[in-house]
Amino acid sequence: MFTYSTTGTCSRQIVFDVNDADNTLHNVKFIGGCSGNLQGIGRLVEGKNLDEVETLLAGIRCRSNTSCPDQLSRAITAYKKAREERAANGGK
């Protein structure tokens, strides 16, 4: 489970799982924010390719020049960076 603290949105955090074998997103949950809309986003991205979701949601704007979908894109970017750093450190 990866946890990302959001900025500039009503939601405070995003948590999700990634199946690294096929690079798919699972169990996306937003903490705080508009419950119905954010549950909808979570269901829409369930099982989707990580790179596809990252690209699709990047740059969507609401308040503070970002949005919950944009923050999910940023969370995916942060996850991928952390995964690369773990790989570079021998999986630690």
N, C-alpha and C. Protein backbone atom coordinates (compact mmCIF):
# COMPACT_ATOMS: atom_id res chain seq x y z
N MET A 1 0.86 -1.17 0.00
CA MET A 1 0.00 0.00 0.00
C MET A 1 0.90 1.23 0.00
N PHE A 2 0.65 2.12 -0.93
CA PHE A 2 1.40 3.37 -1.02
C PHE A 2 0.50 4.49 -0.52
N THR A 3 1.04 5.39 0.28
CA THR A 3 0.29 6.52 0.82
C THR A 3 0.93 7.81 0.34
N TYR A 4 0.09 8.71 -0.17
CA TYR A 4 0.53 10.00 -0.68
C TYR A 4 -0.27 11.10 0.00
N SER A 5 0.41 12.08 0.57
CA SER A 5 -0.26 13.24 1.18
C SER A 5 -0.47 14.30 0.12
N THR A 6 -1.72 14.67 -0.09
CA THR A 6 -2.07 15.63 -1.14
C THR A 6 -1.81 17.06 -0.69
N THR A 7 -1.77 17.97 -1.67
CA THR A 7 -1.68 19.39 -1.39
C THR A 7 -2.66 20.13 -2.30
N GLY A 8 -3.31 21.15 -1.76
CA GLY A 8 -4.17 22.00 -2.56
C GLY A 8 -5.54 21.43 -2.87
N THR A 9 -5.94 20.35 -2.19
CA THR A 9 -7.25 19.75 -2.43
C THR A 9 -7.97 19.48 -1.11
N CYS A 10 -9.25 19.20 -1.22
CA CYS A 10 -10.04 18.85 -0.03
C CYS A 10 -9.62 17.50 0.53
N SER A 11 -9.23 16.58 -0.34
CA SER A 11 -8.74 15.29 0.16
C SER A 11 -7.36 15.51 0.78
N ARG A 12 -7.06 14.70 1.79
CA ARG A 12 -5.80 14.85 2.52
C ARG A 12 -4.76 13.83 2.10
N GLN A 13 -5.23 12.65 1.75
CA GLN A 13 -4.32 11.56 1.38
C GLN A 13 -4.95 10.69 0.31
N ILE A 14 -4.07 9.99 -0.41
CA ILE A 14 -4.49 8.97 -1.36
C ILE A 14 -3.69 7.73 -1.03
N VAL A 15 -4.37 6.60 -0.93
CA VAL A 15 -3.69 5.32 -0.71
C VAL A 15 -4.08 4.38 -1.85
N PHE A 16 -3.13 3.57 -2.27
CA PHE A 16 -3.41 2.62 -3.34
C PHE A 16 -2.38 1.50 -3.36
N ASP A 17 -2.73 0.44 -4.07
CA ASP A 17 -1.84 -0.69 -4.30
C ASP A 17 -1.50 -0.71 -5.78
N VAL A 18 -0.35 -1.30 -6.09
CA VAL A 18 0.07 -1.50 -7.47
C VAL A 18 0.49 -2.95 -7.63
N ASN A 19 -0.01 -3.58 -8.67
CA ASN A 19 0.47 -4.90 -9.04
C ASN A 19 1.66 -4.67 -9.97
N ASP A 20 2.85 -4.83 -9.43
CA ASP A 20 4.06 -4.56 -10.22
C ASP A 20 4.24 -5.53 -11.38
N ALA A 21 3.66 -6.71 -11.28
CA ALA A 21 3.79 -7.70 -12.35
C ALA A 21 3.18 -7.20 -13.66
N ASP A 22 2.03 -6.53 -13.56
CA ASP A 22 1.40 -6.02 -14.79
C ASP A 22 1.20 -4.50 -14.76
N ASN A 23 1.80 -3.83 -13.75
CA ASN A 23 1.80 -2.36 -13.66
C ASN A 23 0.38 -1.78 -13.60
N THR A 24 -0.48 -2.42 -12.79
CA THR A 24 -1.86 -1.94 -12.67
C THR A 24 -2.16 -1.41 -11.28
N LEU A 25 -3.10 -0.50 -11.25
CA LEU A 25 -3.51 0.23 -10.04
C LEU A 25 -4.70 -0.47 -9.39
N HIS A 26 -4.68 -0.56 -8.04
CA HIS A 26 -5.77 -1.24 -7.32
C HIS A 26 -6.04 -0.55 -5.99
N ASN A 27 -7.28 -0.68 -5.53
CA ASN A 27 -7.70 -0.24 -4.19
C ASN A 27 -7.41 1.24 -3.93
N VAL A 28 -7.71 2.11 -4.90
CA VAL A 28 -7.48 3.55 -4.72
C VAL A 28 -8.51 4.10 -3.75
N LYS A 29 -8.02 4.75 -2.71
CA LYS A 29 -8.89 5.38 -1.70
C LYS A 29 -8.39 6.78 -1.42
N PHE A 30 -9.30 7.74 -1.43
CA PHE A 30 -9.00 9.11 -1.06
C PHE A 30 -9.48 9.32 0.36
N ILE A 31 -8.67 9.97 1.18
CA ILE A 31 -9.04 10.30 2.55
C ILE A 31 -9.46 11.77 2.55
N GLY A 32 -10.71 12.00 2.93
CA GLY A 32 -11.27 13.35 2.87
C GLY A 32 -11.78 13.65 1.48
N GLY A 33 -12.31 14.84 1.30
CA GLY A 33 -12.80 15.25 -0.01
C GLY A 33 -14.24 14.82 -0.27
N CYS A 34 -14.66 14.93 -1.50
CA CYS A 34 -16.04 14.62 -1.92
C CYS A 34 -16.18 13.12 -2.11
N SER A 35 -16.74 12.46 -1.14
CA SER A 35 -16.75 11.00 -1.07
C SER A 35 -17.27 10.33 -2.34
N GLY A 36 -18.43 10.75 -2.82
CA GLY A 36 -19.01 10.09 -3.99
C GLY A 36 -18.14 10.23 -5.23
N ASN A 37 -17.68 11.43 -5.51
CA ASN A 37 -16.83 11.65 -6.69
C ASN A 37 -15.52 10.88 -6.59
N LEU A 38 -14.95 10.87 -5.40
CA LEU A 38 -13.65 10.21 -5.24
C LEU A 38 -13.78 8.69 -5.24
N GLN A 39 -14.89 8.16 -4.76
CA GLN A 39 -15.14 6.73 -4.90
C GLN A 39 -15.28 6.38 -6.38
N GLY A 40 -15.93 7.27 -7.13
CA GLY A 40 -16.08 7.07 -8.57
C GLY A 40 -14.74 7.02 -9.27
N ILE A 41 -13.85 7.93 -8.94
CA ILE A 41 -12.52 7.93 -9.54
C ILE A 41 -11.81 6.61 -9.21
N GLY A 42 -11.89 6.20 -7.95
CA GLY A 42 -11.26 4.95 -7.54
C GLY A 42 -11.76 3.76 -8.35
N ARG A 43 -13.07 3.70 -8.58
CA ARG A 43 -13.62 2.59 -9.36
C ARG A 43 -13.23 2.68 -10.82
N LEU A 44 -13.18 3.88 -11.36
CA LEU A 44 -12.84 4.05 -12.77
C LEU A 44 -11.40 3.66 -13.08
N VAL A 45 -10.50 3.85 -12.13
CA VAL A 45 -9.09 3.54 -12.38
C VAL A 45 -8.70 2.13 -11.92
N GLU A 46 -9.60 1.42 -11.27
CA GLU A 46 -9.31 0.08 -10.77
C GLU A 46 -8.85 -0.84 -11.91
N GLY A 47 -7.68 -1.43 -11.73
CA GLY A 47 -7.16 -2.37 -12.71
C GLY A 47 -6.55 -1.75 -13.95
N LYS A 48 -6.50 -0.42 -13.99
CA LYS A 48 -5.95 0.27 -15.16
C LYS A 48 -4.43 0.36 -15.07
N ASN A 49 -3.81 0.51 -16.23
CA ASN A 49 -2.37 0.66 -16.31
C ASN A 49 -1.92 1.93 -15.61
N LEU A 50 -0.90 1.82 -14.79
CA LEU A 50 -0.38 2.93 -14.00
C LEU A 50 0.02 4.12 -14.87
N ASP A 51 0.74 3.86 -15.94
CA ASP A 51 1.21 4.94 -16.81
C ASP A 51 0.04 5.64 -17.51
N GLU A 52 -0.95 4.85 -17.90
CA GLU A 52 -2.14 5.41 -18.57
C GLU A 52 -2.90 6.36 -17.65
N VAL A 53 -3.11 5.93 -16.41
CA VAL A 53 -3.84 6.76 -15.44
C VAL A 53 -3.04 8.02 -15.12
N GLU A 54 -1.74 7.87 -14.95
CA GLU A 54 -0.88 9.02 -14.65
C GLU A 54 -1.01 10.09 -15.74
N THR A 55 -0.94 9.68 -16.99
CA THR A 55 -1.03 10.61 -18.12
C THR A 55 -2.42 11.19 -18.26
N LEU A 56 -3.43 10.35 -18.12
CA LEU A 56 -4.82 10.77 -18.31
C LEU A 56 -5.25 11.85 -17.32
N LEU A 57 -4.82 11.73 -16.07
CA LEU A 57 -5.30 12.63 -15.01
C LEU A 57 -4.40 13.84 -14.76
N ALA A 58 -3.20 13.82 -15.28
CA ALA A 58 -2.26 14.93 -15.05
C ALA A 58 -2.81 16.23 -15.62
N GLY A 59 -2.72 17.28 -14.81
CA GLY A 59 -3.07 18.62 -15.28
C GLY A 59 -4.52 19.01 -15.14
N ILE A 60 -5.38 18.12 -14.62
CA ILE A 60 -6.77 18.52 -14.38
C ILE A 60 -6.78 19.53 -13.24
N ARG A 61 -7.43 20.65 -13.45
CA ARG A 61 -7.39 21.74 -12.47
C ARG A 61 -8.74 21.96 -11.80
N CYS A 62 -8.69 22.31 -10.54
CA CYS A 62 -9.86 22.69 -9.75
C CYS A 62 -9.41 23.90 -8.93
N ARG A 63 -9.23 23.70 -7.65
CA ARG A 63 -8.72 24.76 -6.78
C ARG A 63 -7.20 24.69 -6.73
N SER A 64 -6.60 25.78 -6.35
CA SER A 64 -5.15 25.83 -6.10
C SER A 64 -4.33 25.25 -7.24
N ASN A 65 -4.81 25.38 -8.48
CA ASN A 65 -4.10 24.94 -9.67
C ASN A 65 -3.83 23.43 -9.69
N THR A 66 -4.66 22.66 -8.97
CA THR A 66 -4.57 21.20 -8.97
C THR A 66 -5.98 20.66 -8.73
N SER A 67 -6.12 19.36 -8.60
CA SER A 67 -7.41 18.72 -8.32
C SER A 67 -7.12 17.35 -7.73
N CYS A 68 -8.16 16.68 -7.26
CA CYS A 68 -7.96 15.31 -6.75
C CYS A 68 -7.46 14.37 -7.84
N PRO A 69 -8.00 14.41 -9.07
CA PRO A 69 -7.44 13.57 -10.12
C PRO A 69 -5.97 13.91 -10.41
N ASP A 70 -5.64 15.20 -10.46
CA ASP A 70 -4.26 15.61 -10.68
C ASP A 70 -3.37 15.12 -9.54
N GLN A 71 -3.87 15.15 -8.33
CA GLN A 71 -3.09 14.66 -7.19
C GLN A 71 -2.87 13.15 -7.28
N LEU A 72 -3.83 12.42 -7.82
CA LEU A 72 -3.63 10.99 -8.03
C LEU A 72 -2.51 10.78 -9.05
N SER A 73 -2.50 11.57 -10.10
CA SER A 73 -1.42 11.50 -11.09
C SER A 73 -0.08 11.76 -10.42
N ARG A 74 -0.03 12.76 -9.57
CA ARG A 74 1.22 13.08 -8.86
C ARG A 74 1.61 11.97 -7.88
N ALA A 75 0.60 11.35 -7.27
CA ALA A 75 0.87 10.22 -6.36
C ALA A 75 1.49 9.06 -7.12
N ILE A 76 0.99 8.80 -8.32
CA ILE A 76 1.55 7.74 -9.15
C ILE A 76 3.00 8.07 -9.51
N THR A 77 3.25 9.32 -9.86
CA THR A 77 4.62 9.75 -10.17
C THR A 77 5.53 9.51 -8.96
N ALA A 78 5.05 9.86 -7.76
CA ALA A 78 5.83 9.66 -6.54
C ALA A 78 6.06 8.17 -6.29
N TYR A 79 5.04 7.36 -6.53
CA TYR A 79 5.19 5.92 -6.36
C TYR A 79 6.27 5.38 -7.30
N LYS A 80 6.21 5.77 -8.56
CA LYS A 80 7.17 5.29 -9.55
C LYS A 80 8.60 5.71 -9.18
N LYS A 81 8.75 6.92 -8.68
CA LYS A 81 10.07 7.40 -8.24
C LYS A 81 10.57 6.56 -7.07
N ALA A 82 9.71 6.29 -6.09
CA ALA A 82 10.09 5.48 -4.93
C ALA A 82 10.44 4.06 -5.37
N ARG A 83 9.71 3.52 -6.34
CA ARG A 83 9.98 2.17 -6.84
C ARG A 83 11.35 2.13 -7.53
N GLU A 84 11.66 3.16 -8.30
CA GLU A 84 12.97 3.24 -8.97
C GLU A 84 14.10 3.35 -7.95
N GLU A 85 13.88 4.14 -6.89
CA GLU A 85 14.91 4.29 -5.86
C GLU A 85 15.13 2.97 -5.12
N ARG A 86 14.04 2.23 -4.85
CA ARG A 86 14.18 0.92 -4.20
C ARG A 86 14.99 -0.03 -5.09
N ALA A 87 14.69 -0.02 -6.37
CA ALA A 87 15.40 -0.88 -7.32
C ALA A 87 16.88 -0.52 -7.39
N ALA A 88 17.16 0.78 -7.36
CA ALA A 88 18.56 1.23 -7.43
C ALA A 88 19.32 0.86 -6.16
N ASN A 89 18.60 0.70 -5.05
CA ASN A 89 19.23 0.33 -3.78
C ASN A 89 19.13 -1.17 -3.50
N GLY A 90 18.90 -1.92 -4.54
CA GLY A 90 18.84 -3.38 -4.38
C GLY A 90 17.56 -3.88 -3.76
N GLY A 91 16.45 -3.13 -3.92
CA GLY A 91 15.18 -3.57 -3.39
C GLY A 91 14.91 -3.24 -1.95
N LYS A 92 15.76 -2.44 -1.34
CA LYS A 92 15.62 -2.10 0.08
C LYS A 92 14.80 -0.86 0.27
